[in-house]
Amino acid sequence: MDSGYDDKRLQNLIRARGWDFLTALKKNRAVKTEKEFQTKGTKARQVDTLFRAVKKQSPWETVRVTTAGGKRRRSFRARQLAGHLRGVSSAVTVVCSEKYDKKGRRFFACSNTKVSLGAIIRTYTHRWAVELFHRTCKSNLGILAKNCGLIID
């Protein structure tokens, strides 16, 4: 899911049905590490602040993703932590990822804690291709609908 769907009610509904989710997080989403979660009275922190504070607990790893039918490779730096999202009842893997040019960090949460860091990054990257496909379809269908007289301005 994109960060527009970063909602604790939706995430709890998905988990209640026995499904897993992978979602982009808004950078101000409140998160606790596993250790902080077990210590009562510890406040949750924004996910971007959390990853700045726990540099030694989660070192950067390189993740390479092949796109465009295997013709193009992209490299990312990523870190992961076991944690809990505020308002979500189950543990998640929280991920911080950035391109190697260090432009734009993205934060993710995956409810399946057994999935590898590389699989999380690759899955979200491939999901983005679906979003681009939907945008193209909407654009082309809008043009076709106007040309056929189906849309009246």
C-alpha atoms as a PDB file:
ATOM      1  CA  MET A   1       0.000   0.000   0.000  1.00  0.00           C
ATOM      2  CA  ASP A   2       1.048   3.542  -0.562  1.00  0.00           C
ATOM      3  CA  SER A   3       1.462   5.913   2.390  1.00  0.00           C
ATOM      4  CA  GLY A   4      -2.005   7.324   1.669  1.00  0.00           C
ATOM      5  CA  TYR A   5      -3.350   4.080   3.161  1.00  0.00           C
ATOM      6  CA  ASP A   6      -1.135   4.255   6.256  1.00  0.00           C
ATOM      7  CA  ASP A   7      -3.993   3.867   8.728  1.00  0.00           C
ATOM      8  CA  LYS A   8      -4.063   1.792  11.907  1.00  0.00           C
ATOM      9  CA  ARG A   9      -7.703   0.734  11.405  1.00  0.00           C
ATOM     10  CA  LEU A  10      -6.975  -0.646   7.942  1.00  0.00           C
ATOM     11  CA  GLN A  11      -3.795  -2.375   9.124  1.00  0.00           C
ATOM     12  CA  ASN A  12      -5.598  -3.972  12.091  1.00  0.00           C
ATOM     13  CA  LEU A  13      -8.400  -5.145   9.777  1.00  0.00           C
ATOM     14  CA  ILE A  14      -5.867  -6.790   7.459  1.00  0.00           C
ATOM     15  CA  ARG A  15      -4.162  -8.541  10.381  1.00  0.00           C
ATOM     16  CA  ALA A  16      -7.518  -9.623  11.890  1.00  0.00           C
ATOM     17  CA  ARG A  17      -8.284 -11.472   8.653  1.00  0.00           C
ATOM     18  CA  GLY A  18      -4.955 -13.309   8.856  1.00  0.00           C
ATOM     19  CA  TRP A  19      -3.414 -11.411   5.932  1.00  0.00           C
ATOM     20  CA  ASP A  20      -0.106  -9.558   5.790  1.00  0.00           C
ATOM     21  CA  PHE A  21       0.550  -6.027   4.617  1.00  0.00           C
ATOM     22  CA  LEU A  22       3.450  -4.068   3.210  1.00  0.00           C
ATOM     23  CA  THR A  23       2.851  -0.354   3.388  1.00  0.00           C
ATOM     24  CA  ALA A  24       4.793   2.838   2.935  1.00  0.00           C
ATOM     25  CA  LEU A  25       4.730   4.909   6.098  1.00  0.00           C
ATOM     26  CA  LYS A  26       4.328   8.614   6.490  1.00  0.00           C
ATOM     27  CA  LYS A  27       7.515   9.991   8.012  1.00  0.00           C
ATOM     28  CA  ASN A  28       5.675  11.193  11.102  1.00  0.00           C
ATOM     29  CA  ARG A  29       4.138   7.758  11.878  1.00  0.00           C
ATOM     30  CA  ALA A  30       4.711   6.793  15.524  1.00  0.00           C
ATOM     31  CA  VAL A  31       6.836   3.659  15.985  1.00  0.00           C
ATOM     32  CA  LYS A  32       8.550   1.827  18.835  1.00  0.00           C
ATOM     33  CA  THR A  33      11.376  -0.667  18.571  1.00  0.00           C
ATOM     34  CA  GLU A  34      10.740  -4.131  20.006  1.00  0.00           C
ATOM     35  CA  LYS A  35      12.820  -3.280  23.084  1.00  0.00           C
ATOM     36  CA  GLU A  36      10.927  -0.001  23.651  1.00  0.00           C
ATOM     37  CA  PHE A  37       7.611  -1.810  23.222  1.00  0.00           C
ATOM     38  CA  GLN A  38       8.463  -4.262  25.996  1.00  0.00           C
ATOM     39  CA  THR A  39       9.454  -1.409  28.320  1.00  0.00           C
ATOM     40  CA  LYS A  40       6.259   0.161  29.642  1.00  0.00           C
ATOM     41  CA  GLY A  41       6.073   3.931  29.707  1.00  0.00           C
ATOM     42  CA  THR A  42       8.335   4.450  26.678  1.00  0.00           C
ATOM     43  CA  LYS A  43       6.898   6.898  24.159  1.00  0.00           C
ATOM     44  CA  ALA A  44       6.660   6.109  20.483  1.00  0.00           C
ATOM     45  CA  ARG A  45       8.819   8.212  18.147  1.00  0.00           C
ATOM     46  CA  GLN A  46       8.333   9.388  14.596  1.00  0.00           C
ATOM     47  CA  VAL A  47       9.780   6.825  12.209  1.00  0.00           C
ATOM     48  CA  ASP A  48      12.343   9.231  10.722  1.00  0.00           C
ATOM     49  CA  THR A  49      13.536  10.233  14.215  1.00  0.00           C
ATOM     50  CA  LEU A  50      13.691   6.582  15.266  1.00  0.00           C
ATOM     51  CA  PHE A  51      16.023   5.594  12.421  1.00  0.00           C
ATOM     52  CA  ARG A  52      18.335   8.515  13.179  1.00  0.00           C
ATOM     53  CA  ALA A  53      18.537   7.422  16.833  1.00  0.00           C
ATOM     54  CA  VAL A  54      19.261   3.706  16.287  1.00  0.00           C
ATOM     55  CA  LYS A  55      22.044   3.803  13.715  1.00  0.00           C
ATOM     56  CA  LYS A  56      24.127   1.127  15.421  1.00  0.00           C
ATOM     57  CA  GLN A  57      21.201  -1.275  15.874  1.00  0.00           C
ATOM     58  CA  SER A  58      20.454  -1.373  12.169  1.00  0.00           C
ATOM     59  CA  PRO A  59      23.380  -0.973   9.745  1.00  0.00           C
ATOM     60  CA  TRP A  60      22.816  -0.113   6.083  1.00  0.00           C
ATOM     61  CA  GLU A  61      22.561  -2.971   3.600  1.00  0.00           C
ATOM     62  CA  THR A  62      22.650  -2.777  -0.186  1.00  0.00           C
ATOM     63  CA  VAL A  63      19.602  -4.022  -2.077  1.00  0.00           C
ATOM     64  CA  ARG A  64      19.661  -4.319  -5.870  1.00  0.00           C
ATOM     65  CA  VAL A  65      16.417  -4.408  -7.828  1.00  0.00           C
ATOM     66  CA  THR A  66      16.119  -5.437 -11.473  1.00  0.00           C
ATOM     67  CA  THR A  67      13.411  -3.623 -13.432  1.00  0.00           C
ATOM     68  CA  ALA A  68      12.225  -3.205 -17.021  1.00  0.00           C
ATOM     69  CA  GLY A  69      12.364  -6.896 -17.865  1.00  0.00           C
ATOM     70  CA  GLY A  70      15.838  -7.396 -16.412  1.00  0.00           C
ATOM     71  CA  LYS A  71      17.438  -4.587 -18.436  1.00  0.00           C
ATOM     72  CA  ARG A  72      17.824  -2.030 -15.665  1.00  0.00           C
ATOM     73  CA  ARG A  73      19.259  -2.380 -12.167  1.00  0.00           C
ATOM     74  CA  ARG A  74      18.691   0.027  -9.308  1.00  0.00           C
ATOM     75  CA  SER A  75      20.528   0.047  -6.010  1.00  0.00           C
ATOM     76  CA  PHE A  76      19.139   1.090  -2.665  1.00  0.00           C
ATOM     77  CA  ARG A  77      20.544   1.397   0.845  1.00  0.00           C
ATOM     78  CA  ALA A  78      18.169   0.030   3.452  1.00  0.00           C
ATOM     79  CA  ARG A  79      17.953  -0.664   7.168  1.00  0.00           C
ATOM     80  CA  GLN A  80      15.402  -2.647   9.160  1.00  0.00           C
ATOM     81  CA  LEU A  81      14.193  -2.915  12.744  1.00  0.00           C
ATOM     82  CA  ALA A  82      11.733  -5.118  14.582  1.00  0.00           C
ATOM     83  CA  GLY A  83       9.074  -2.815  15.940  1.00  0.00           C
ATOM     84  CA  HIS A  84       5.477  -1.861  16.556  1.00  0.00           C
ATOM     85  CA  LEU A  85       3.349   0.787  14.892  1.00  0.00           C
ATOM     86  CA  ARG A  86       1.259   2.811  17.310  1.00  0.00           C
ATOM     87  CA  GLY A  87      -2.289   1.505  17.242  1.00  0.00           C
ATOM     88  CA  VAL A  88      -1.449  -1.772  15.451  1.00  0.00           C
ATOM     89  CA  SER A  89      -1.695  -4.894  17.567  1.00  0.00           C
ATOM     90  CA  SER A  90       1.001  -7.036  15.926  1.00  0.00           C
ATOM     91  CA  ALA A  91       4.755  -6.714  15.500  1.00  0.00           C
ATOM     92  CA  VAL A  92       6.112  -5.437  12.178  1.00  0.00           C
ATOM     93  CA  THR A  93       9.412  -5.048  10.394  1.00  0.00           C
ATOM     94  CA  VAL A  94      10.101  -1.347   9.931  1.00  0.00           C
ATOM     95  CA  VAL A  95      12.357  -0.393   7.004  1.00  0.00           C
ATOM     96  CA  CYS A  96      14.182   2.783   6.022  1.00  0.00           C
ATOM     97  CA  SER A  97      15.291   2.916   2.384  1.00  0.00           C
ATOM     98  CA  GLU A  98      16.999   5.477   0.184  1.00  0.00           C
ATOM     99  CA  LYS A  99      18.515   5.556  -3.260  1.00  0.00           C
ATOM    100  CA  TYR A 100      22.289   5.719  -3.437  1.00  0.00           C
ATOM    101  CA  ASP A 101      22.154   9.390  -4.412  1.00  0.00           C
ATOM    102  CA  LYS A 102      20.700   9.884  -0.881  1.00  0.00           C
ATOM    103  CA  LYS A 103      17.634  11.686  -2.195  1.00  0.00           C
ATOM    104  CA  GLY A 104      14.379  10.952  -0.457  1.00  0.00           C
ATOM    105  CA  ARG A 105      14.111   8.394   2.278  1.00  0.00           C
ATOM    106  CA  ARG A 106      11.126   6.062   2.251  1.00  0.00           C
ATOM    107  CA  PHE A 107       9.809   4.199   5.250  1.00  0.00           C
ATOM    108  CA  PHE A 108       7.948   0.884   5.105  1.00  0.00           C
ATOM    109  CA  ALA A 109       6.258  -1.524   7.476  1.00  0.00           C
ATOM    110  CA  CYS A 110       5.758  -5.222   6.747  1.00  0.00           C
ATOM    111  CA  SER A 111       3.555  -7.315   9.010  1.00  0.00           C
ATOM    112  CA  ASN A 112       5.294 -10.563   8.014  1.00  0.00           C
ATOM    113  CA  THR A 113       8.422 -10.395  10.151  1.00  0.00           C
ATOM    114  CA  LYS A 114      10.011 -13.404   8.399  1.00  0.00           C
ATOM    115  CA  VAL A 115      10.353 -11.623   5.038  1.00  0.00           C
ATOM    116  CA  SER A 116      13.872 -10.470   4.132  1.00  0.00           C
ATOM    117  CA  LEU A 117      14.864  -6.845   3.684  1.00  0.00           C
ATOM    118  CA  GLY A 118      15.555  -7.390  -0.026  1.00  0.00           C
ATOM    119  CA  ALA A 119      12.123  -8.939  -0.576  1.00  0.00           C
ATOM    120  CA  ILE A 120      10.407  -5.955   1.069  1.00  0.00           C
ATOM    121  CA  ILE A 121      12.245  -3.425  -1.123  1.00  0.00           C
ATOM    122  CA  ARG A 122      11.732  -5.460  -4.322  1.00  0.00           C
ATOM    123  CA  THR A 123       8.025  -5.969  -3.605  1.00  0.00           C
ATOM    124  CA  TYR A 124       7.397  -2.271  -3.057  1.00  0.00           C
ATOM    125  CA  THR A 125       9.403  -1.365  -6.163  1.00  0.00           C
ATOM    126  CA  HIS A 126       7.313  -3.737  -8.299  1.00  0.00           C
ATOM    127  CA  ARG A 127       4.126  -2.411  -6.702  1.00  0.00           C
ATOM    128  CA  TRP A 128       5.068   1.054  -7.905  1.00  0.00           C
ATOM    129  CA  ALA A 129       4.994  -0.202 -11.503  1.00  0.00           C
ATOM    130  CA  VAL A 130       1.315  -1.076 -10.986  1.00  0.00           C
ATOM    131  CA  GLU A 131       0.625   2.518  -9.866  1.00  0.00           C
ATOM    132  CA  LEU A 132       2.263   3.863 -13.036  1.00  0.00           C
ATOM    133  CA  PHE A 133       0.179   1.458 -15.131  1.00  0.00           C
ATOM    134  CA  HIS A 134      -3.032   2.671 -13.456  1.00  0.00           C
ATOM    135  CA  ARG A 135      -2.110   6.294 -14.068  1.00  0.00           C
ATOM    136  CA  THR A 136      -1.442   5.576 -17.752  1.00  0.00           C
ATOM    137  CA  CYS A 137      -4.760   3.749 -18.109  1.00  0.00           C
ATOM    138  CA  LYS A 138      -6.677   6.595 -16.489  1.00  0.00           C
ATOM    139  CA  SER A 139      -4.979   9.151 -18.738  1.00  0.00           C
ATOM    140  CA  ASN A 140      -5.627   7.189 -21.920  1.00  0.00           C
ATOM    141  CA  LEU A 141      -9.200   6.308 -20.994  1.00  0.00           C
ATOM    142  CA  GLY A 142      -9.906   9.964 -20.278  1.00  0.00           C
ATOM    143  CA  ILE A 143      -8.681  10.925 -23.756  1.00  0.00           C
ATOM    144  CA  LEU A 144     -10.670   8.116 -25.400  1.00  0.00           C
ATOM    145  CA  ALA A 145     -13.823   9.020 -23.473  1.00  0.00           C
ATOM    146  CA  LYS A 146     -13.570  12.664 -24.560  1.00  0.00           C
ATOM    147  CA  ASN A 147     -12.947  11.704 -28.192  1.00  0.00           C
ATOM    148  CA  CYS A 148     -15.952   9.350 -28.196  1.00  0.00           C
ATOM    149  CA  GLY A 149     -18.206  11.981 -26.702  1.00  0.00           C
ATOM    150  CA  LEU A 150     -18.767  10.043 -23.484  1.00  0.00           C
ATOM    151  CA  ILE A 151     -17.631  12.926 -21.277  1.00  0.00           C
ATOM    152  CA  ILE A 152     -19.524  16.191 -21.501  1.00  0.00           C
ATOM    153  CA  ASP A 153     -17.640  19.238 -20.267  1.00  0.00           C
END
